[in-house]
């Protein structure tokens, strides 16, 4: 079994921080369905970028990158759908 290195710990802390910081806005948007302050183009690009970071994490076997981006991708996709649906 591979031990966790300090580099992995830094990766997990970065993943936790960026993912958790995104959650309040995602939860608020999901609850209110209000996307008036969100740019469709920005969120489409953000969601695509998150998807590519997820693929990078998977292909490079970087668990912190993959885990953080799968969570963020799910919420970003939901918000993007809401932005399109409740325009």
PDB file of N, CA and C in Angstrom:
ATOM      1  N   UNK A   1       0.835  -1.183   0.000  1.00  0.00           N
ATOM      2  CA  UNK A   1       0.000   0.000   0.000  1.00  0.00           C
ATOM      3  C   UNK A   1       0.880   1.247   0.000  1.00  0.00           C
ATOM      4  N   UNK A   2       0.555   2.188  -0.877  1.00  0.00           N
ATOM      5  CA  UNK A   2       1.336   3.417  -1.010  1.00  0.00           C
ATOM      6  C   UNK A   2       0.996   4.368   0.137  1.00  0.00           C
ATOM      7  N   UNK A   3       2.037   4.937   0.746  1.00  0.00           N
ATOM      8  CA  UNK A   3       1.805   5.907   1.810  1.00  0.00           C
ATOM      9  C   UNK A   3       1.503   7.268   1.191  1.00  0.00           C
ATOM     10  N   UNK A   4       0.820   8.098   1.943  1.00  0.00           N
ATOM     11  CA  UNK A   4       0.470   9.430   1.473  1.00  0.00           C
ATOM     12  C   UNK A   4       1.651  10.361   1.722  1.00  0.00           C
ATOM     13  N   UNK A   5       2.104  11.033   0.680  1.00  0.00           N
ATOM     14  CA  UNK A   5       3.232  11.951   0.788  1.00  0.00           C
ATOM     15  C   UNK A   5       2.741  13.361   1.115  1.00  0.00           C
ATOM     16  N   UNK A   6       3.677  14.222   1.454  1.00  0.00           N
ATOM     17  CA  UNK A   6       3.302  15.609   1.717  1.00  0.00           C
ATOM     18  C   UNK A   6       2.753  16.270   0.454  1.00  0.00           C
ATOM     19  N   UNK A   7       3.187  15.825  -0.711  1.00  0.00           N
ATOM     20  CA  UNK A   7       2.659  16.356  -1.973  1.00  0.00           C
ATOM     21  C   UNK A   7       1.183  15.975  -2.111  1.00  0.00           C
ATOM     22  N   UNK A   8       0.841  14.723  -1.762  1.00  0.00           N
ATOM     23  CA  UNK A   8      -0.556  14.307  -1.789  1.00  0.00           C
ATOM     24  C   UNK A   8      -1.396  15.125  -0.813  1.00  0.00           C
ATOM     25  N   UNK A   9      -0.848  15.378   0.373  1.00  0.00           N
ATOM     26  CA  UNK A   9      -1.573  16.164   1.376  1.00  0.00           C
ATOM     27  C   UNK A   9      -1.839  17.569   0.859  1.00  0.00           C
ATOM     28  N   UNK A  10      -0.861  18.176   0.221  1.00  0.00           N
ATOM     29  CA  UNK A  10      -1.052  19.501  -0.376  1.00  0.00           C
ATOM     30  C   UNK A  10      -2.134  19.427  -1.453  1.00  0.00           C
ATOM     31  N   UNK A  11      -2.095  18.380  -2.257  1.00  0.00           N
ATOM     32  CA  UNK A  11      -3.113  18.205  -3.294  1.00  0.00           C
ATOM     33  C   UNK A  11      -4.508  18.055  -2.710  1.00  0.00           C
ATOM     34  N   UNK A  12      -4.635  17.266  -1.654  1.00  0.00           N
ATOM     35  CA  UNK A  12      -5.940  17.095  -1.010  1.00  0.00           C
ATOM     36  C   UNK A  12      -6.422  18.398  -0.379  1.00  0.00           C
ATOM     37  N   UNK A  13      -5.526  19.156   0.242  1.00  0.00           N
ATOM     38  CA  UNK A  13      -5.917  20.436   0.824  1.00  0.00           C
ATOM     39  C   UNK A  13      -6.369  21.418  -0.258  1.00  0.00           C
ATOM     40  N   UNK A  14      -5.650  21.457  -1.364  1.00  0.00           N
ATOM     41  CA  UNK A  14      -6.043  22.326  -2.479  1.00  0.00           C
ATOM     42  C   UNK A  14      -7.389  21.893  -3.050  1.00  0.00           C
ATOM     43  N   UNK A  15      -7.562  20.596  -3.226  1.00  0.00           N
ATOM     44  CA  UNK A  15      -8.828  20.067  -3.746  1.00  0.00           C
ATOM     45  C   UNK A  15      -9.978  20.396  -2.809  1.00  0.00           C
ATOM     46  N   UNK A  16      -9.758  20.208  -1.520  1.00  0.00           N
ATOM     47  CA  UNK A  16     -10.793  20.499  -0.535  1.00  0.00           C
ATOM     48  C   UNK A  16     -11.159  21.981  -0.555  1.00  0.00           C
ATOM     49  N   UNK A  17     -10.144  22.834  -0.548  1.00  0.00           N
ATOM     50  CA  UNK A  17     -10.395  24.277  -0.517  1.00  0.00           C
ATOM     51  C   UNK A  17     -11.150  24.782  -1.725  1.00  0.00           C
ATOM     52  N   UNK A  18     -10.731  24.387  -2.910  1.00  0.00           N
ATOM     53  CA  UNK A  18     -11.394  24.887  -4.107  1.00  0.00           C
ATOM     54  C   UNK A  18     -12.793  24.301  -4.270  1.00  0.00           C
ATOM     55  N   UNK A  19     -12.973  23.045  -3.903  1.00  0.00           N
ATOM     56  CA  UNK A  19     -14.294  22.426  -4.030  1.00  0.00           C
ATOM     57  C   UNK A  19     -15.263  22.997  -3.011  1.00  0.00           C
ATOM     58  N   UNK A  20     -14.838  23.111  -1.765  1.00  0.00           N
ATOM     59  CA  UNK A  20     -15.708  23.627  -0.715  1.00  0.00           C
ATOM     60  C   UNK A  20     -16.066  25.091  -0.972  1.00  0.00           C
ATOM     61  N   UNK A  21     -15.127  25.879  -1.492  1.00  0.00           N
ATOM     62  CA  UNK A  21     -15.414  27.289  -1.760  1.00  0.00           C
ATOM     63  C   UNK A  21     -16.481  27.450  -2.839  1.00  0.00           C
ATOM     64  N   UNK A  22     -16.616  26.486  -3.700  1.00  0.00           N
ATOM     65  CA  UNK A  22     -17.586  26.518  -4.782  1.00  0.00           C
ATOM     66  C   UNK A  22     -18.989  26.128  -4.310  1.00  0.00           C
ATOM     67  N   UNK A  23     -19.078  25.319  -3.262  1.00  0.00           N
ATOM     68  CA  UNK A  23     -20.362  24.756  -2.836  1.00  0.00           C
ATOM     69  C   UNK A  23     -21.416  25.779  -2.408  1.00  0.00           C
ATOM     70  N   UNK A  24     -21.107  26.820  -1.621  1.00  0.00           N
ATOM     71  CA  UNK A  24     -22.181  27.748  -1.230  1.00  0.00           C
ATOM     72  C   UNK A  24     -22.915  28.366  -2.421  1.00  0.00           C
ATOM     73  N   UNK A  25     -22.172  28.781  -3.459  1.00  0.00           N
ATOM     74  CA  UNK A  25     -22.816  29.351  -4.640  1.00  0.00           C
ATOM     75  C   UNK A  25     -23.640  28.304  -5.369  1.00  0.00           C
ATOM     76  N   UNK A  26     -23.116  27.100  -5.466  1.00  0.00           N
ATOM     77  CA  UNK A  26     -23.851  26.023  -6.137  1.00  0.00           C
ATOM     78  C   UNK A  26     -25.144  25.713  -5.389  1.00  0.00           C
ATOM     79  N   UNK A  27     -25.067  25.601  -4.085  1.00  0.00           N
ATOM     80  CA  UNK A  27     -26.256  25.283  -3.284  1.00  0.00           C
ATOM     81  C   UNK A  27     -27.287  26.402  -3.394  1.00  0.00           C
ATOM     82  N   UNK A  28     -26.840  27.651  -3.310  1.00  0.00           N
ATOM     83  CA  UNK A  28     -27.761  28.787  -3.432  1.00  0.00           C
ATOM     84  C   UNK A  28     -28.453  28.783  -4.790  1.00  0.00           C
ATOM     85  N   UNK A  29     -27.702  28.535  -5.843  1.00  0.00           N
ATOM     86  CA  UNK A  29     -28.278  28.511  -7.187  1.00  0.00           C
ATOM     87  C   UNK A  29     -29.274  27.374  -7.331  1.00  0.00           C
ATOM     88  N   UNK A  30     -28.944  26.215  -6.794  1.00  0.00           N
ATOM     89  CA  UNK A  30     -29.849  25.067  -6.870  1.00  0.00           C
ATOM     90  C   UNK A  30     -31.129  25.350  -6.093  1.00  0.00           C
ATOM     91  N   UNK A  31     -31.024  25.962  -4.911  1.00  0.00           N
ATOM     92  CA  UNK A  31     -32.200  26.249  -4.094  1.00  0.00           C
ATOM     93  C   UNK A  31     -33.092  27.315  -4.714  1.00  0.00           C
ATOM     94  N   UNK A  32     -32.501  28.381  -5.231  1.00  0.00           N
ATOM     95  CA  UNK A  32     -33.289  29.509  -5.731  1.00  0.00           C
ATOM     96  C   UNK A  32     -33.593  29.427  -7.222  1.00  0.00           C
ATOM     97  N   UNK A  33     -32.808  28.646  -7.946  1.00  0.00           N
ATOM     98  CA  UNK A  33     -32.894  28.565  -9.411  1.00  0.00           C
ATOM     99  C   UNK A  33     -32.652  29.929 -10.071  1.00  0.00           C
ATOM    100  N   UNK A  34     -32.024  30.836  -9.325  1.00  0.00           N
ATOM    101  CA  UNK A  34     -31.723  32.168  -9.840  1.00  0.00           C
ATOM    102  C   UNK A  34     -30.319  32.172 -10.423  1.00  0.00           C
ATOM    103  N   UNK A  35     -30.238  32.309 -11.723  1.00  0.00           N
ATOM    104  CA  UNK A  35     -28.943  32.324 -12.403  1.00  0.00           C
ATOM    105  C   UNK A  35     -28.701  33.649 -13.124  1.00  0.00           C
ATOM    106  N   UNK A  36     -29.447  34.670 -12.735  1.00  0.00           N
ATOM    107  CA  UNK A  36     -29.358  35.954 -13.452  1.00  0.00           C
ATOM    108  C   UNK A  36     -27.968  36.578 -13.370  1.00  0.00           C
ATOM    109  N   UNK A  37     -27.232  36.334 -12.322  1.00  0.00           N
ATOM    110  CA  UNK A  37     -25.906  36.918 -12.180  1.00  0.00           C
ATOM    111  C   UNK A  37     -24.786  36.069 -12.749  1.00  0.00           C
ATOM    112  N   UNK A  38     -25.137  35.014 -13.456  1.00  0.00           N
ATOM    113  CA  UNK A  38     -24.137  34.076 -13.972  1.00  0.00           C
ATOM    114  C   UNK A  38     -24.078  34.182 -15.495  1.00  0.00           C
ATOM    115  N   UNK A  39     -22.889  34.318 -16.019  1.00  0.00           N
ATOM    116  CA  UNK A  39     -22.693  34.359 -17.467  1.00  0.00           C
ATOM    117  C   UNK A  39     -22.766  32.938 -18.038  1.00  0.00           C
ATOM    118  N   UNK A  40     -23.609  32.750 -19.039  1.00  0.00           N
ATOM    119  CA  UNK A  40     -23.736  31.439 -19.684  1.00  0.00           C
ATOM    120  C   UNK A  40     -22.415  31.002 -20.298  1.00  0.00           C
ATOM    121  N   UNK A  41     -21.746  31.906 -20.987  1.00  0.00           N
ATOM    122  CA  UNK A  41     -20.499  31.550 -21.657  1.00  0.00           C
ATOM    123  C   UNK A  41     -19.405  31.209 -20.650  1.00  0.00           C
ATOM    124  N   UNK A  42     -19.328  31.986 -19.579  1.00  0.00           N
ATOM    125  CA  UNK A  42     -18.337  31.710 -18.548  1.00  0.00           C
ATOM    126  C   UNK A  42     -18.589  30.346 -17.926  1.00  0.00           C
ATOM    127  N   UNK A  43     -19.840  30.052 -17.615  1.00  0.00           N
ATOM    128  CA  UNK A  43     -20.129  28.782 -16.956  1.00  0.00           C
ATOM    129  C   UNK A  43     -19.949  27.600 -17.896  1.00  0.00           C
ATOM    130  N   UNK A  44     -20.240  27.796 -19.172  1.00  0.00           N
ATOM    131  CA  UNK A  44     -19.998  26.728 -20.149  1.00  0.00           C
ATOM    132  C   UNK A  44     -18.496  26.441 -20.228  1.00  0.00           C
ATOM    133  N   UNK A  45     -17.685  27.488 -20.282  1.00  0.00           N
ATOM    134  CA  UNK A  45     -16.231  27.306 -20.326  1.00  0.00           C
ATOM    135  C   UNK A  45     -15.710  26.713 -19.017  1.00  0.00           C
ATOM    136  N   UNK A  46     -16.234  27.182 -17.891  1.00  0.00           N
ATOM    137  CA  UNK A  46     -15.818  26.661 -16.592  1.00  0.00           C
ATOM    138  C   UNK A  46     -16.138  25.174 -16.477  1.00  0.00           C
ATOM    139  N   UNK A  47     -17.337  24.791 -16.897  1.00  0.00           N
ATOM    140  CA  UNK A  47     -17.741  23.383 -16.829  1.00  0.00           C
ATOM    141  C   UNK A  47     -16.864  22.526 -17.734  1.00  0.00           C
ATOM    142  N   UNK A  48     -16.590  23.004 -18.935  1.00  0.00           N
ATOM    143  CA  UNK A  48     -15.707  22.268 -19.844  1.00  0.00           C
ATOM    144  C   UNK A  48     -14.305  22.152 -19.253  1.00  0.00           C
ATOM    145  N   UNK A  49     -13.796  23.240 -18.703  1.00  0.00           N
ATOM    146  CA  UNK A  49     -12.469  23.211 -18.077  1.00  0.00           C
ATOM    147  C   UNK A  49     -12.411  22.239 -16.915  1.00  0.00           C
ATOM    148  N   UNK A  50     -13.462  22.215 -16.108  1.00  0.00           N
ATOM    149  CA  UNK A  50     -13.529  21.274 -14.987  1.00  0.00           C
ATOM    150  C   UNK A  50     -13.531  19.836 -15.489  1.00  0.00           C
ATOM    151  N   UNK A  51     -14.248  19.598 -16.574  1.00  0.00           N
ATOM    152  CA  UNK A  51     -14.269  18.257 -17.166  1.00  0.00           C
ATOM    153  C   UNK A  51     -12.863  17.840 -17.598  1.00  0.00           C
ATOM    154  N   UNK A  52     -12.142  18.754 -18.231  1.00  0.00           N
ATOM    155  CA  UNK A  52     -10.784  18.417 -18.676  1.00  0.00           C
ATOM    156  C   UNK A  52      -9.833  18.220 -17.500  1.00  0.00           C
ATOM    157  N   UNK A  53     -10.008  19.001 -16.420  1.00  0.00           N
ATOM    158  CA  UNK A  53      -9.209  18.758 -15.213  1.00  0.00           C
ATOM    159  C   UNK A  53      -9.530  17.386 -14.632  1.00  0.00           C
ATOM    160  N   UNK A  54     -10.788  17.008 -14.674  1.00  0.00           N
ATOM    161  CA  UNK A  54     -11.196  15.680 -14.205  1.00  0.00           C
ATOM    162  C   UNK A  54     -10.509  14.603 -15.035  1.00  0.00           C
ATOM    163  N   UNK A  55     -10.533  14.759 -16.344  1.00  0.00           N
ATOM    164  CA  UNK A  55      -9.873  13.781 -17.219  1.00  0.00           C
ATOM    165  C   UNK A  55      -8.364  13.744 -16.949  1.00  0.00           C
ATOM    166  N   UNK A  56      -7.770  14.911 -16.737  1.00  0.00           N
ATOM    167  CA  UNK A  56      -6.350  14.968 -16.417  1.00  0.00           C
ATOM    168  C   UNK A  56      -6.068  14.200 -15.126  1.00  0.00           C
ATOM    169  N   UNK A  57      -6.881  14.419 -14.115  1.00  0.00           N
ATOM    170  CA  UNK A  57      -6.703  13.724 -12.841  1.00  0.00           C
ATOM    171  C   UNK A  57      -6.804  12.220 -12.987  1.00  0.00           C
ATOM    172  N   UNK A  58      -7.765  11.776 -13.771  1.00  0.00           N
ATOM    173  CA  UNK A  58      -7.951  10.333 -13.992  1.00  0.00           C
ATOM    174  C   UNK A  58      -6.771   9.766 -14.778  1.00  0.00           C
ATOM    175  N   UNK A  59      -6.433  10.409 -15.876  1.00  0.00           N
ATOM    176  CA  UNK A  59      -5.370   9.883 -16.745  1.00  0.00           C
ATOM    177  C   UNK A  59      -3.985   9.955 -16.116  1.00  0.00           C
ATOM    178  N   UNK A  60      -3.774  10.923 -15.230  1.00  0.00           N
ATOM    179  CA  UNK A  60      -2.473  11.046 -14.570  1.00  0.00           C
ATOM    180  C   UNK A  60      -2.445  10.333 -13.221  1.00  0.00           C
ATOM    181  N   UNK A  61      -3.556   9.668 -12.893  1.00  0.00           N
ATOM    182  CA  UNK A  61      -3.670   8.922 -11.628  1.00  0.00           C
ATOM    183  C   UNK A  61      -3.489   9.833 -10.418  1.00  0.00           C
ATOM    184  N   UNK A  62      -4.001  11.062 -10.539  1.00  0.00           N
ATOM    185  CA  UNK A  62      -3.933  12.021  -9.436  1.00  0.00           C
ATOM    186  C   UNK A  62      -5.291  12.049  -8.743  1.00  0.00           C
ATOM    187  N   UNK A  63      -5.403  11.316  -7.664  1.00  0.00           N
ATOM    188  CA  UNK A  63      -6.672  11.208  -6.957  1.00  0.00           C
ATOM    189  C   UNK A  63      -7.179  12.559  -6.445  1.00  0.00           C
ATOM    190  N   UNK A  64      -6.339  13.421  -5.862  1.00  0.00           N
ATOM    191  CA  UNK A  64      -6.855  14.718  -5.404  1.00  0.00           C
ATOM    192  C   UNK A  64      -7.476  15.542  -6.539  1.00  0.00           C
ATOM    193  N   UNK A  65      -6.827  15.566  -7.682  1.00  0.00           N
ATOM    194  CA  UNK A  65      -7.335  16.328  -8.822  1.00  0.00           C
ATOM    195  C   UNK A  65      -8.630  15.704  -9.334  1.00  0.00           C
ATOM    196  N   UNK A  66      -8.664  14.397  -9.442  1.00  0.00           N
ATOM    197  CA  UNK A  66      -9.858  13.718  -9.945  1.00  0.00           C
ATOM    198  C   UNK A  66     -11.039  13.897  -9.004  1.00  0.00           C
ATOM    199  N   UNK A  67     -10.844  13.688  -7.716  1.00  0.00           N
ATOM    200  CA  UNK A  67     -11.945  13.787  -6.752  1.00  0.00           C
ATOM    201  C   UNK A  67     -12.502  15.206  -6.702  1.00  0.00           C
ATOM    202  N   UNK A  68     -11.626  16.187  -6.598  1.00  0.00           N
ATOM    203  CA  UNK A  68     -12.088  17.576  -6.531  1.00  0.00           C
ATOM    204  C   UNK A  68     -12.881  17.948  -7.770  1.00  0.00           C
ATOM    205  N   UNK A  69     -12.405  17.524  -8.915  1.00  0.00           N
ATOM    206  CA  UNK A  69     -13.054  17.941 -10.149  1.00  0.00           C
ATOM    207  C   UNK A  69     -14.301  17.149 -10.475  1.00  0.00           C
ATOM    208  N   UNK A  70     -14.435  15.934 -10.002  1.00  0.00           N
ATOM    209  CA  UNK A  70     -15.689  15.217 -10.226  1.00  0.00           C
ATOM    210  C   UNK A  70     -16.806  15.890  -9.425  1.00  0.00           C
ATOM    211  N   UNK A  71     -16.509  16.308  -8.206  1.00  0.00           N
ATOM    212  CA  UNK A  71     -17.514  16.987  -7.382  1.00  0.00           C
ATOM    213  C   UNK A  71     -17.869  18.341  -8.003  1.00  0.00           C
ATOM    214  N   UNK A  72     -16.857  19.107  -8.353  1.00  0.00           N
ATOM    215  CA  UNK A  72     -17.096  20.422  -8.947  1.00  0.00           C
ATOM    216  C   UNK A  72     -17.804  20.297 -10.287  1.00  0.00           C
ATOM    217  N   UNK A  73     -17.436  19.302 -11.085  1.00  0.00           N
ATOM    218  CA  UNK A  73     -18.079  19.103 -12.385  1.00  0.00           C
ATOM    219  C   UNK A  73     -19.567  18.808 -12.231  1.00  0.00           C
ATOM    220  N   UNK A  74     -19.931  18.008 -11.249  1.00  0.00           N
ATOM    221  CA  UNK A  74     -21.348  17.691 -11.025  1.00  0.00           C
ATOM    222  C   UNK A  74     -22.125  18.970 -10.712  1.00  0.00           C
ATOM    223  N   UNK A  75     -21.626  19.756  -9.749  1.00  0.00           N
ATOM    224  CA  UNK A  75     -22.327  20.985  -9.386  1.00  0.00           C
ATOM    225  C   UNK A  75     -22.300  22.016 -10.506  1.00  0.00           C
ATOM    226  N   UNK A  76     -21.185  22.139 -11.203  1.00  0.00           N
ATOM    227  CA  UNK A  76     -21.102  23.084 -12.319  1.00  0.00           C
ATOM    228  C   UNK A  76     -22.067  22.694 -13.428  1.00  0.00           C
ATOM    229  N   UNK A  77     -22.207  21.407 -13.680  1.00  0.00           N
ATOM    230  CA  UNK A  77     -23.141  20.935 -14.705  1.00  0.00           C
ATOM    231  C   UNK A  77     -24.578  21.248 -14.327  1.00  0.00           C
ATOM    232  N   UNK A  78     -24.905  21.062 -13.057  1.00  0.00           N
ATOM    233  CA  UNK A  78     -26.255  21.375 -12.581  1.00  0.00           C
ATOM    234  C   UNK A  78     -26.545  22.863 -12.773  1.00  0.00           C
ATOM    235  N   UNK A  79     -25.594  23.703 -12.373  1.00  0.00           N
ATOM    236  CA  UNK A  79     -25.794  25.147 -12.515  1.00  0.00           C
ATOM    237  C   UNK A  79     -25.895  25.536 -13.986  1.00  0.00           C
ATOM    238  N   UNK A  80     -25.086  24.932 -14.829  1.00  0.00           N
ATOM    239  CA  UNK A  80     -25.157  25.216 -16.260  1.00  0.00           C
ATOM    240  C   UNK A  80     -26.516  24.828 -16.826  1.00  0.00           C
ATOM    241  N   UNK A  81     -27.028  23.692 -16.443  1.00  0.00           N
ATOM    242  CA  UNK A  81     -28.366  23.274 -16.886  1.00  0.00           C
ATOM    243  C   UNK A  81     -29.414  24.258 -16.388  1.00  0.00           C
ATOM    244  N   UNK A  82     -29.307  24.677 -15.117  1.00  0.00           N
ATOM    245  CA  UNK A  82     -30.243  25.651 -14.575  1.00  0.00           C
ATOM    246  C   UNK A  82     -30.165  26.966 -15.354  1.00  0.00           C
ATOM    247  N   UNK A  83     -28.948  27.399 -15.699  1.00  0.00           N
ATOM    248  CA  UNK A  83     -28.766  28.637 -16.439  1.00  0.00           C
ATOM    249  C   UNK A  83     -29.462  28.552 -17.783  1.00  0.00           C
ATOM    250  N   UNK A  84     -29.357  27.425 -18.446  1.00  0.00           N
ATOM    251  CA  UNK A  84     -30.003  27.251 -19.747  1.00  0.00           C
ATOM    252  C   UNK A  84     -31.516  27.110 -19.577  1.00  0.00           C
ATOM    253  N   UNK A  85     -31.944  26.351 -18.601  1.00  0.00           N
ATOM    254  CA  UNK A  85     -33.367  26.058 -18.408  1.00  0.00           C
ATOM    255  C   UNK A  85     -34.157  27.237 -17.862  1.00  0.00           C
ATOM    256  N   UNK A  86     -33.600  27.957 -16.894  1.00  0.00           N
ATOM    257  CA  UNK A  86     -34.324  29.045 -16.239  1.00  0.00           C
ATOM    258  C   UNK A  86     -33.843  30.405 -16.675  1.00  0.00           C
ATOM    259  N   UNK A  87     -33.455  30.521 -17.908  1.00  0.00           N
ATOM    260  CA  UNK A  87     -32.889  31.758 -18.449  1.00  0.00           C
ATOM    261  C   UNK A  87     -33.851  32.911 -18.371  1.00  0.00           C
TER     262      UNK A  87
END
